[in-house]
Amino acid sequence: MSEEQSPVPGEVEVEDVVDPTAVRRAPRYGRFIGVGIVLGLVVALGVGGSWLQSDAAESVFKPGVYFTVILVAGAALGAAIGGLWAVLADRRSLRDR
């Protein structure tokens, strides 16, 4: 048998089937949400740190608990904003088609 045989019937080359101009470029949701969490934590660290430095934190029994709540809320809000950002990017990629 020679090496120049035709492909097996029923098999097709991917390049023959897929049109590269029609491939949709969807965002990676996990990465958008991950970046949102990191940015939310950075902002929450600034807000929580400035709150711990203020006079309002002196009257609180356990300021570390409030600081933790601020960090968790910042991470959750950042994840929500990152997810919304990914959805908007996905909608925009569909609109251009």
Protein backbone atom coordinates (compact mmCIF):
# COMPACT_ATOMS: atom_id res chain seq x y z
CA MET A 1 0.00 0.00 0.00
CA SER A 2 1.32 3.42 -0.85
CA GLU A 3 1.43 6.38 1.52
CA GLU A 4 -0.56 8.55 -0.88
CA GLN A 5 -3.83 6.79 -0.26
CA SER A 6 -6.95 8.86 0.17
CA PRO A 7 -8.29 9.26 3.67
CA VAL A 8 -10.70 6.69 5.04
CA PRO A 9 -14.24 7.29 3.75
CA GLY A 10 -16.26 9.19 6.34
CA GLU A 11 -13.27 11.09 7.73
CA VAL A 12 -12.96 14.77 6.89
CA GLU A 13 -10.28 17.30 7.59
CA VAL A 14 -11.11 19.89 10.24
CA GLU A 15 -10.06 22.72 7.94
CA ASP A 16 -12.71 21.59 5.44
CA VAL A 17 -15.50 21.73 8.02
CA VAL A 18 -14.65 24.67 10.29
CA ASP A 19 -14.70 28.20 8.95
CA PRO A 20 -12.24 30.23 11.09
CA THR A 21 -14.24 33.41 10.48
CA ALA A 22 -17.31 31.82 12.06
CA VAL A 23 -15.64 30.68 15.29
CA ARG A 24 -17.07 32.56 18.26
CA ARG A 25 -14.56 33.92 20.73
CA ALA A 26 -16.32 33.52 24.07
CA PRO A 27 -14.73 34.91 27.24
CA ARG A 28 -13.42 32.56 29.91
CA TYR A 29 -15.84 33.16 32.76
CA GLY A 30 -13.60 31.67 35.45
CA ARG A 31 -10.79 34.07 34.68
CA PHE A 32 -13.09 37.09 34.66
CA ILE A 33 -14.54 36.06 38.02
CA GLY A 34 -11.06 35.33 39.41
CA VAL A 35 -9.80 38.77 38.42
CA GLY A 36 -12.95 40.28 39.96
CA ILE A 37 -12.28 38.47 43.24
CA VAL A 38 -8.67 39.64 43.36
CA LEU A 39 -9.62 43.25 42.60
CA GLY A 40 -12.48 43.07 45.12
CA LEU A 41 -10.07 41.83 47.80
CA VAL A 42 -7.59 44.60 47.05
CA VAL A 43 -10.31 47.25 47.38
CA ALA A 44 -11.69 45.56 50.51
CA LEU A 45 -8.22 45.50 52.07
CA GLY A 46 -7.97 49.25 51.55
CA VAL A 47 -11.46 49.91 52.91
CA GLY A 48 -11.05 47.51 55.84
CA GLY A 49 -7.59 48.82 56.67
CA SER A 50 -8.76 52.41 56.67
CA TRP A 51 -11.74 51.43 58.83
CA LEU A 52 -9.43 49.73 61.36
CA GLN A 53 -7.38 52.95 61.54
CA SER A 54 -10.45 55.10 62.20
CA ASP A 55 -12.08 55.93 65.53
CA ALA A 56 -15.15 53.82 64.64
CA ALA A 57 -13.18 50.59 65.09
CA GLU A 58 -12.22 51.39 68.69
CA SER A 59 -15.76 50.99 70.00
CA VAL A 60 -16.18 47.55 68.37
CA PHE A 61 -15.58 44.46 70.54
CA LYS A 62 -13.84 42.34 67.86
CA PRO A 63 -12.70 44.48 64.92
CA GLY A 64 -11.09 41.46 63.19
CA VAL A 65 -14.53 39.94 62.62
CA TYR A 66 -15.74 43.11 60.91
CA PHE A 67 -12.54 43.23 58.85
CA THR A 68 -13.15 39.63 57.72
CA VAL A 69 -16.75 40.46 56.79
CA ILE A 70 -15.51 43.42 54.73
CA LEU A 71 -13.03 41.14 52.93
CA VAL A 72 -15.63 38.46 52.18
CA ALA A 73 -18.15 41.06 50.98
CA GLY A 74 -15.50 42.66 48.78
CA ALA A 75 -14.59 39.30 47.24
CA ALA A 76 -18.25 38.45 46.61
CA LEU A 77 -18.94 41.84 45.08
CA GLY A 78 -15.81 41.56 42.94
CA ALA A 79 -16.89 38.10 41.73
CA ALA A 80 -20.33 39.44 40.83
CA ILE A 81 -18.85 42.37 38.92
CA GLY A 82 -16.38 40.07 37.15
CA GLY A 83 -19.20 37.74 36.15
CA LEU A 84 -21.28 40.63 34.87
CA TRP A 85 -18.28 41.88 32.93
CA ALA A 86 -17.88 38.43 31.32
CA VAL A 87 -21.57 38.28 30.38
CA LEU A 88 -21.37 41.73 28.80
CA ALA A 89 -18.23 40.72 26.88
CA ASP A 90 -20.00 37.58 25.69
CA ARG A 91 -23.03 39.55 24.54
CA ARG A 92 -20.77 41.98 22.72
CA SER A 93 -19.02 39.12 20.90
CA LEU A 94 -22.41 37.83 19.74
CA ARG A 95 -23.52 41.29 18.59
CA ASP A 96 -20.54 41.62 16.24
CA ARG A 97 -21.49 38.43 14.38
